[in-house]
Amino acid sequence: MGLALRALGSATAQVYSHVTAFLVGNLIAVILSLPLVLLIGLLAWTVRSFSIIPIGVAFLVGVMPNPCTGGVQCVAHELADKGPVTWHDYLGGLRRTIRPALVLWLVSVGISAVILGNAAFYAVALGSDGPVPHPIAFPLLAIWLVIFAVWVSAHLYVFPLLLTQEVRKITLVYRNALLMVMARPSVTLIVVPVWLALLLLSSATGLATIIGLGLGAAIQHNATARLLPTFRLSPAT
């Protein structure tokens, strides 16, 4: 618990002490993400469910390794490592991460769709007399929801590992992220709900355009920086 609270505290302190860098970086990330935000808005308008907007923005822009946030992620990474931050760090980080982050984002969205599709199937089966009996549908729904919770939690570490690891293989990044979630559940259970609540609240109130993405990135990198020394991750296999 102490490690998790220290990570949250140091993230908040870094954003406060470097507020200008985070504000500018956050605003640029939001502008670059506007096409995705507009697509989420179009989907919400089509189905007449505007609650999709904050959930979609929080999930697809903030939680998933969005390549448009590469600059602010690099700023958070440098500050978590106690390094100085310059405009060159932001631009260099954005250029360096845009391609691998885009691949990770596409993989993340695809796997998330598969997991949610299975969960939705069994949720519908619970409410109807379909081919899946209720005693079977309920535990299968619970399993898929647990899988989704673990999968989302792993994204707390995905972008930080992308910047930290020398080998940026997709499978290695996700393997190590899932290992960190499963090996340190106490940190996961404290930091992830705060991180997700922050992203959802900032998306619902508009604060995501000001500071929400930056503070979320700071939480990710401080949690990762404090957790990595507690065990050794495989560098390349």
C-alpha atoms as a PDB file:
ATOM      1  CA  MET A   1       0.000   0.000   0.000  1.00  0.00           C
ATOM      2  CA  GLY A   2       2.831   2.388   0.813  1.00  0.00           C
ATOM      3  CA  LEU A   3       4.368   2.036  -2.639  1.00  0.00           C
ATOM      4  CA  ALA A   4       1.034   2.746  -4.325  1.00  0.00           C
ATOM      5  CA  LEU A   5       0.342   5.825  -2.206  1.00  0.00           C
ATOM      6  CA  ARG A   6       3.854   7.166  -2.806  1.00  0.00           C
ATOM      7  CA  ALA A   7       3.400   6.711  -6.551  1.00  0.00           C
ATOM      8  CA  LEU A   8       0.128   8.654  -6.492  1.00  0.00           C
ATOM      9  CA  GLY A   9       1.647  11.373  -4.317  1.00  0.00           C
ATOM     10  CA  SER A  10       4.757  11.834  -6.434  1.00  0.00           C
ATOM     11  CA  ALA A  11       2.655  11.922  -9.622  1.00  0.00           C
ATOM     12  CA  THR A  12       0.518  14.726  -8.215  1.00  0.00           C
ATOM     13  CA  ALA A  13       3.586  16.634  -7.011  1.00  0.00           C
ATOM     14  CA  GLN A  14       5.294  16.384 -10.407  1.00  0.00           C
ATOM     15  CA  VAL A  15       2.241  17.677 -12.249  1.00  0.00           C
ATOM     16  CA  TYR A  16       1.951  20.565  -9.779  1.00  0.00           C
ATOM     17  CA  SER A  17       5.632  21.514 -10.019  1.00  0.00           C
ATOM     18  CA  HIS A  18       5.723  21.213 -13.846  1.00  0.00           C
ATOM     19  CA  VAL A  19       2.191  22.354 -14.556  1.00  0.00           C
ATOM     20  CA  THR A  20       3.089  24.346 -17.694  1.00  0.00           C
ATOM     21  CA  ALA A  21       4.776  21.383 -19.377  1.00  0.00           C
ATOM     22  CA  PHE A  22       1.835  19.131 -18.583  1.00  0.00           C
ATOM     23  CA  LEU A  23      -0.772  21.710 -19.656  1.00  0.00           C
ATOM     24  CA  VAL A  24       0.859  22.291 -23.039  1.00  0.00           C
ATOM     25  CA  GLY A  25       1.570  18.602 -23.598  1.00  0.00           C
ATOM     26  CA  ASN A  26      -1.961  17.656 -22.560  1.00  0.00           C
ATOM     27  CA  LEU A  27      -3.525  20.199 -24.924  1.00  0.00           C
ATOM     28  CA  ILE A  28      -1.444  19.014 -27.885  1.00  0.00           C
ATOM     29  CA  ALA A  29      -2.365  15.380 -27.134  1.00  0.00           C
ATOM     30  CA  VAL A  30      -6.065  16.291 -27.098  1.00  0.00           C
ATOM     31  CA  ILE A  31      -5.808  18.215 -30.385  1.00  0.00           C
ATOM     32  CA  LEU A  32      -4.048  15.279 -32.052  1.00  0.00           C
ATOM     33  CA  SER A  33      -6.727  12.941 -30.677  1.00  0.00           C
ATOM     34  CA  LEU A  34      -9.653  15.025 -31.989  1.00  0.00           C
ATOM     35  CA  PRO A  35     -10.423  12.700 -34.948  1.00  0.00           C
ATOM     36  CA  LEU A  36     -10.824   9.807 -32.514  1.00  0.00           C
ATOM     37  CA  VAL A  37     -12.922  11.926 -30.141  1.00  0.00           C
ATOM     38  CA  LEU A  38     -15.175  12.966 -33.047  1.00  0.00           C
ATOM     39  CA  LEU A  39     -15.659   9.315 -34.024  1.00  0.00           C
ATOM     40  CA  ILE A  40     -16.662   8.504 -30.442  1.00  0.00           C
ATOM     41  CA  GLY A  41     -19.094  11.424 -30.520  1.00  0.00           C
ATOM     42  CA  LEU A  42     -20.557  10.242 -33.832  1.00  0.00           C
ATOM     43  CA  LEU A  43     -21.094   6.770 -32.391  1.00  0.00           C
ATOM     44  CA  ALA A  44     -22.784   8.248 -29.313  1.00  0.00           C
ATOM     45  CA  TRP A  45     -25.087  10.378 -31.492  1.00  0.00           C
ATOM     46  CA  THR A  46     -25.935   7.398 -33.714  1.00  0.00           C
ATOM     47  CA  VAL A  47     -27.022   5.187 -30.818  1.00  0.00           C
ATOM     48  CA  ARG A  48     -28.430   8.143 -28.841  1.00  0.00           C
ATOM     49  CA  SER A  49     -26.364   7.291 -25.773  1.00  0.00           C
ATOM     50  CA  PHE A  50     -24.110  10.208 -24.878  1.00  0.00           C
ATOM     51  CA  SER A  51     -22.672   8.429 -21.866  1.00  0.00           C
ATOM     52  CA  ILE A  52     -20.521   6.664 -24.459  1.00  0.00           C
ATOM     53  CA  ILE A  53     -18.495   9.863 -24.926  1.00  0.00           C
ATOM     54  CA  PRO A  54     -16.727  10.083 -21.525  1.00  0.00           C
ATOM     55  CA  ILE A  55     -16.340   6.309 -21.326  1.00  0.00           C
ATOM     56  CA  GLY A  56     -15.010   6.079 -24.879  1.00  0.00           C
ATOM     57  CA  VAL A  57     -12.622   9.019 -24.465  1.00  0.00           C
ATOM     58  CA  ALA A  58     -11.311   7.700 -21.147  1.00  0.00           C
ATOM     59  CA  PHE A  59     -10.818   4.200 -22.536  1.00  0.00           C
ATOM     60  CA  LEU A  60      -9.595   4.817 -26.099  1.00  0.00           C
ATOM     61  CA  VAL A  61      -7.669   8.067 -25.523  1.00  0.00           C
ATOM     62  CA  GLY A  62      -6.469   7.702 -21.938  1.00  0.00           C
ATOM     63  CA  VAL A  63      -6.244   4.030 -20.998  1.00  0.00           C
ATOM     64  CA  MET A  64      -5.159   2.503 -24.300  1.00  0.00           C
ATOM     65  CA  PRO A  65      -1.595   3.368 -25.472  1.00  0.00           C
ATOM     66  CA  ASN A  66      -2.800   6.256 -27.636  1.00  0.00           C
ATOM     67  CA  PRO A  67       0.078   7.352 -29.948  1.00  0.00           C
ATOM     68  CA  CYS A  68      -1.145  10.960 -29.770  1.00  0.00           C
ATOM     69  CA  THR A  69      -0.192  11.047 -26.080  1.00  0.00           C
ATOM     70  CA  GLY A  70       3.399   9.947 -26.747  1.00  0.00           C
ATOM     71  CA  GLY A  71       4.787  13.410 -25.999  1.00  0.00           C
ATOM     72  CA  VAL A  72       3.114  13.854 -22.624  1.00  0.00           C
ATOM     73  CA  GLN A  73       3.949  10.239 -21.783  1.00  0.00           C
ATOM     74  CA  CYS A  74       7.635  10.973 -22.421  1.00  0.00           C
ATOM     75  CA  VAL A  75       7.463  14.092 -20.236  1.00  0.00           C
ATOM     76  CA  ALA A  76       5.954  12.005 -17.424  1.00  0.00           C
ATOM     77  CA  HIS A  77       8.614   9.337 -17.991  1.00  0.00           C
ATOM     78  CA  GLU A  78      11.490  11.811 -17.687  1.00  0.00           C
ATOM     79  CA  LEU A  79      10.054  13.377 -14.540  1.00  0.00           C
ATOM     80  CA  ALA A  80       9.466   9.983 -12.934  1.00  0.00           C
ATOM     81  CA  ASP A  81      13.143   9.244 -13.586  1.00  0.00           C
ATOM     82  CA  LYS A  82      14.036  12.590 -11.958  1.00  0.00           C
ATOM     83  CA  GLY A  83      15.392  13.957 -15.223  1.00  0.00           C
ATOM     84  CA  PRO A  84      15.039  17.465 -16.673  1.00  0.00           C
ATOM     85  CA  VAL A  85      12.276  18.134 -19.195  1.00  0.00           C
ATOM     86  CA  THR A  86      12.604  20.190 -22.363  1.00  0.00           C
ATOM     87  CA  TRP A  87      10.443  20.875 -25.423  1.00  0.00           C
ATOM     88  CA  HIS A  88      12.839  18.611 -27.325  1.00  0.00           C
ATOM     89  CA  ASP A  89      11.892  15.736 -25.001  1.00  0.00           C
ATOM     90  CA  TYR A  90       8.231  16.213 -25.874  1.00  0.00           C
ATOM     91  CA  LEU A  91       8.690  16.356 -29.641  1.00  0.00           C
ATOM     92  CA  GLY A  92      11.313  13.617 -29.653  1.00  0.00           C
ATOM     93  CA  GLY A  93       9.109  11.369 -27.566  1.00  0.00           C
ATOM     94  CA  LEU A  94       6.122  11.955 -29.813  1.00  0.00           C
ATOM     95  CA  ARG A  95       8.105  11.070 -32.951  1.00  0.00           C
ATOM     96  CA  ARG A  96       9.846   8.092 -31.325  1.00  0.00           C
ATOM     97  CA  THR A  97       6.727   6.443 -29.973  1.00  0.00           C
ATOM     98  CA  ILE A  98       4.073   7.173 -32.568  1.00  0.00           C
ATOM     99  CA  ARG A  99       4.615   4.020 -34.646  1.00  0.00           C
ATOM    100  CA  PRO A 100       5.070   1.415 -31.868  1.00  0.00           C
ATOM    101  CA  ALA A 101       2.313   3.049 -29.803  1.00  0.00           C
ATOM    102  CA  LEU A 102      -0.072   2.916 -32.768  1.00  0.00           C
ATOM    103  CA  VAL A 103       0.578  -0.810 -33.154  1.00  0.00           C
ATOM    104  CA  LEU A 104       0.017  -1.341 -29.419  1.00  0.00           C
ATOM    105  CA  TRP A 105      -3.168   0.745 -29.540  1.00  0.00           C
ATOM    106  CA  LEU A 106      -4.594  -1.288 -32.429  1.00  0.00           C
ATOM    107  CA  VAL A 107      -3.763  -4.552 -30.660  1.00  0.00           C
ATOM    108  CA  SER A 108      -5.257  -3.257 -27.404  1.00  0.00           C
ATOM    109  CA  VAL A 109      -8.491  -2.160 -29.050  1.00  0.00           C
ATOM    110  CA  GLY A 110      -8.804  -5.445 -30.967  1.00  0.00           C
ATOM    111  CA  ILE A 111      -8.279  -7.646 -27.924  1.00  0.00           C
ATOM    112  CA  SER A 112     -10.583  -5.436 -25.826  1.00  0.00           C
ATOM    113  CA  ALA A 113     -13.314  -5.824 -28.463  1.00  0.00           C
ATOM    114  CA  VAL A 114     -12.975  -9.617 -28.353  1.00  0.00           C
ATOM    115  CA  ILE A 115     -13.154  -9.700 -24.552  1.00  0.00           C
ATOM    116  CA  LEU A 116     -16.133  -7.333 -24.376  1.00  0.00           C
ATOM    117  CA  GLY A 117     -17.867  -9.192 -27.196  1.00  0.00           C
ATOM    118  CA  ASN A 118     -17.670 -12.440 -25.248  1.00  0.00           C
ATOM    119  CA  ALA A 119     -18.830 -10.730 -22.053  1.00  0.00           C
ATOM    120  CA  ALA A 120     -21.771  -9.163 -23.900  1.00  0.00           C
ATOM    121  CA  PHE A 121     -22.748 -12.518 -25.398  1.00  0.00           C
ATOM    122  CA  TYR A 122     -23.001 -14.190 -22.004  1.00  0.00           C
ATOM    123  CA  ALA A 123     -24.706 -11.132 -20.481  1.00  0.00           C
ATOM    124  CA  VAL A 124     -27.415 -11.368 -23.144  1.00  0.00           C
ATOM    125  CA  ALA A 125     -27.653 -15.115 -22.540  1.00  0.00           C
ATOM    126  CA  LEU A 126     -28.422 -14.424 -18.874  1.00  0.00           C
ATOM    127  CA  GLY A 127     -31.378 -12.272 -19.826  1.00  0.00           C
ATOM    128  CA  SER A 128     -32.926 -14.600 -22.370  1.00  0.00           C
ATOM    129  CA  ASP A 129     -33.728 -18.231 -22.957  1.00  0.00           C
ATOM    130  CA  GLY A 130     -30.956 -18.716 -25.474  1.00  0.00           C
ATOM    131  CA  PRO A 131     -28.739 -21.683 -26.285  1.00  0.00           C
ATOM    132  CA  VAL A 132     -26.552 -21.113 -23.214  1.00  0.00           C
ATOM    133  CA  PRO A 133     -28.165 -22.190 -19.914  1.00  0.00           C
ATOM    134  CA  HIS A 134     -28.138 -19.597 -17.129  1.00  0.00           C
ATOM    135  CA  PRO A 135     -26.009 -21.738 -14.737  1.00  0.00           C
ATOM    136  CA  ILE A 136     -23.309 -21.821 -17.425  1.00  0.00           C
ATOM    137  CA  ALA A 137     -23.679 -18.243 -18.684  1.00  0.00           C
ATOM    138  CA  PHE A 138     -23.175 -16.608 -15.275  1.00  0.00           C
ATOM    139  CA  PRO A 139     -19.743 -18.087 -14.417  1.00  0.00           C
ATOM    140  CA  LEU A 140     -18.552 -17.555 -18.003  1.00  0.00           C
ATOM    141  CA  LEU A 141     -19.653 -13.918 -17.850  1.00  0.00           C
ATOM    142  CA  ALA A 142     -17.800 -13.530 -14.540  1.00  0.00           C
ATOM    143  CA  ILE A 143     -14.642 -15.051 -16.059  1.00  0.00           C
ATOM    144  CA  TRP A 144     -14.696 -12.679 -19.032  1.00  0.00           C
ATOM    145  CA  LEU A 145     -15.255  -9.678 -16.764  1.00  0.00           C
ATOM    146  CA  VAL A 146     -12.273 -10.686 -14.616  1.00  0.00           C
ATOM    147  CA  ILE A 147     -10.173 -11.104 -17.760  1.00  0.00           C
ATOM    148  CA  PHE A 148     -11.228  -7.626 -18.881  1.00  0.00           C
ATOM    149  CA  ALA A 149     -10.357  -6.117 -15.488  1.00  0.00           C
ATOM    150  CA  VAL A 150      -6.880  -7.657 -15.581  1.00  0.00           C
ATOM    151  CA  TRP A 151      -6.434  -6.597 -19.214  1.00  0.00           C
ATOM    152  CA  VAL A 152      -7.366  -2.978 -18.491  1.00  0.00           C
ATOM    153  CA  SER A 153      -5.156  -2.946 -15.387  1.00  0.00           C
ATOM    154  CA  ALA A 154      -2.162  -4.044 -17.459  1.00  0.00           C
ATOM    155  CA  HIS A 155      -2.431  -0.812 -19.445  1.00  0.00           C
ATOM    156  CA  LEU A 156      -1.286   1.113 -16.404  1.00  0.00           C
ATOM    157  CA  TYR A 157       2.177  -0.202 -17.309  1.00  0.00           C
ATOM    158  CA  VAL A 158       2.029  -0.625 -21.113  1.00  0.00           C
ATOM    159  CA  PHE A 159       3.174   2.845 -22.213  1.00  0.00           C
ATOM    160  CA  PRO A 160       5.829   3.152 -19.472  1.00  0.00           C
ATOM    161  CA  LEU A 161       7.256  -0.245 -20.469  1.00  0.00           C
ATOM    162  CA  LEU A 162       7.281   0.832 -24.109  1.00  0.00           C
ATOM    163  CA  LEU A 163       9.590   3.692 -23.110  1.00  0.00           C
ATOM    164  CA  THR A 164      11.636   1.685 -20.594  1.00  0.00           C
ATOM    165  CA  GLN A 165      12.330  -1.610 -22.339  1.00  0.00           C
ATOM    166  CA  GLU A 166      15.218  -1.929 -24.760  1.00  0.00           C
ATOM    167  CA  VAL A 167      13.259  -4.541 -26.731  1.00  0.00           C
ATOM    168  CA  ARG A 168       9.843  -3.198 -27.774  1.00  0.00           C
ATOM    169  CA  LYS A 169       8.201  -6.406 -28.896  1.00  0.00           C
ATOM    170  CA  ILE A 170       4.437  -6.229 -28.463  1.00  0.00           C
ATOM    171  CA  THR A 171       4.252  -9.618 -26.797  1.00  0.00           C
ATOM    172  CA  LEU A 172       7.055  -8.715 -24.389  1.00  0.00           C
ATOM    173  CA  VAL A 173       5.474  -5.405 -23.397  1.00  0.00           C
ATOM    174  CA  TYR A 174       2.143  -7.055 -22.646  1.00  0.00           C
ATOM    175  CA  ARG A 175       3.695 -10.048 -20.933  1.00  0.00           C
ATOM    176  CA  ASN A 176       5.652  -7.836 -18.573  1.00  0.00           C
ATOM    177  CA  ALA A 177       2.654  -5.554 -17.975  1.00  0.00           C
ATOM    178  CA  LEU A 178       0.461  -8.538 -17.069  1.00  0.00           C
ATOM    179  CA  LEU A 179       3.243  -9.908 -14.867  1.00  0.00           C
ATOM    180  CA  MET A 180       3.387  -6.615 -12.961  1.00  0.00           C
ATOM    181  CA  VAL A 181      -0.381  -6.683 -12.434  1.00  0.00           C
ATOM    182  CA  MET A 182      -0.471 -10.271 -11.186  1.00  0.00           C
ATOM    183  CA  ALA A 183       2.721 -10.157  -9.140  1.00  0.00           C
ATOM    184  CA  ARG A 184       1.854  -6.960  -7.232  1.00  0.00           C
ATOM    185  CA  PRO A 185      -1.948  -7.068  -6.769  1.00  0.00           C
ATOM    186  CA  SER A 186      -1.947  -4.632  -3.848  1.00  0.00           C
ATOM    187  CA  VAL A 187      -0.499  -1.874  -6.030  1.00  0.00           C
ATOM    188  CA  THR A 188      -2.934  -2.738  -8.812  1.00  0.00           C
ATOM    189  CA  LEU A 189      -5.961  -2.636  -6.525  1.00  0.00           C
ATOM    190  CA  ILE A 190      -5.059   0.843  -5.218  1.00  0.00           C
ATOM    191  CA  VAL A 191      -3.559   2.660  -8.205  1.00  0.00           C
ATOM    192  CA  VAL A 192      -5.698   1.351 -11.085  1.00  0.00           C
ATOM    193  CA  PRO A 193      -9.107   2.446  -9.653  1.00  0.00           C
ATOM    194  CA  VAL A 194      -7.706   5.926  -8.922  1.00  0.00           C
ATOM    195  CA  TRP A 195      -6.182   6.124 -12.418  1.00  0.00           C
ATOM    196  CA  LEU A 196      -9.385   4.990 -14.138  1.00  0.00           C
ATOM    197  CA  ALA A 197     -11.603   7.249 -12.010  1.00  0.00           C
ATOM    198  CA  LEU A 198      -9.378  10.225 -12.816  1.00  0.00           C
ATOM    199  CA  LEU A 199      -9.529   9.556 -16.564  1.00  0.00           C
ATOM    200  CA  LEU A 200     -13.288   8.999 -16.499  1.00  0.00           C
ATOM    201  CA  LEU A 201     -13.944  12.098 -14.370  1.00  0.00           C
ATOM    202  CA  SER A 202     -11.696  14.311 -16.485  1.00  0.00           C
ATOM    203  CA  SER A 203     -13.329  12.998 -19.673  1.00  0.00           C
ATOM    204  CA  ALA A 204     -16.826  13.649 -18.306  1.00  0.00           C
ATOM    205  CA  THR A 205     -16.018  17.173 -17.096  1.00  0.00           C
ATOM    206  CA  GLY A 206     -13.726  18.314 -19.906  1.00  0.00           C
ATOM    207  CA  LEU A 207     -10.644  18.384 -17.676  1.00  0.00           C
ATOM    208  CA  ALA A 208      -9.062  15.852 -20.031  1.00  0.00           C
ATOM    209  CA  THR A 209      -8.400  18.765 -22.375  1.00  0.00           C
ATOM    210  CA  ILE A 210      -6.473  20.594 -19.653  1.00  0.00           C
ATOM    211  CA  ILE A 211      -4.648  18.215 -17.351  1.00  0.00           C
ATOM    212  CA  GLY A 212      -6.402  14.823 -17.162  1.00  0.00           C
ATOM    213  CA  LEU A 213      -4.207  12.988 -19.674  1.00  0.00           C
ATOM    214  CA  GLY A 214      -1.029  14.447 -18.174  1.00  0.00           C
ATOM    215  CA  LEU A 215      -1.930  13.474 -14.619  1.00  0.00           C
ATOM    216  CA  GLY A 216      -2.949  10.020 -15.825  1.00  0.00           C
ATOM    217  CA  ALA A 217       0.425   9.611 -17.557  1.00  0.00           C
ATOM    218  CA  ALA A 218       2.233  10.795 -14.417  1.00  0.00           C
ATOM    219  CA  ILE A 219       0.433   8.136 -12.362  1.00  0.00           C
ATOM    220  CA  GLN A 220       1.395   5.456 -14.902  1.00  0.00           C
ATOM    221  CA  HIS A 221       5.085   6.327 -14.933  1.00  0.00           C
ATOM    222  CA  ASN A 222       5.469   6.874 -11.201  1.00  0.00           C
ATOM    223  CA  ALA A 223       3.764   3.570 -10.434  1.00  0.00           C
ATOM    224  CA  THR A 224       5.994   1.798 -12.958  1.00  0.00           C
ATOM    225  CA  ALA A 225       9.181   3.514 -11.784  1.00  0.00           C
ATOM    226  CA  ARG A 226       8.537   2.488  -8.190  1.00  0.00           C
ATOM    227  CA  LEU A 227       7.389  -1.026  -9.017  1.00  0.00           C
ATOM    228  CA  LEU A 228      10.106  -2.105 -11.478  1.00  0.00           C
ATOM    229  CA  PRO A 229      12.929  -2.218  -8.903  1.00  0.00           C
ATOM    230  CA  THR A 230      10.938  -4.711  -6.824  1.00  0.00           C
ATOM    231  CA  PHE A 231      11.529  -7.472  -9.351  1.00  0.00           C
ATOM    232  CA  ARG A 232      13.527  -8.163 -12.467  1.00  0.00           C
ATOM    233  CA  LEU A 233      11.745  -8.287 -15.823  1.00  0.00           C
ATOM    234  CA  SER A 234      13.096 -10.356 -18.693  1.00  0.00           C
ATOM    235  CA  PRO A 235      14.828  -7.984 -21.147  1.00  0.00           C
ATOM    236  CA  ALA A 236      14.288  -9.818 -24.404  1.00  0.00           C
ATOM    237  CA  THR A 237      12.695 -13.232 -24.147  1.00  0.00           C
END
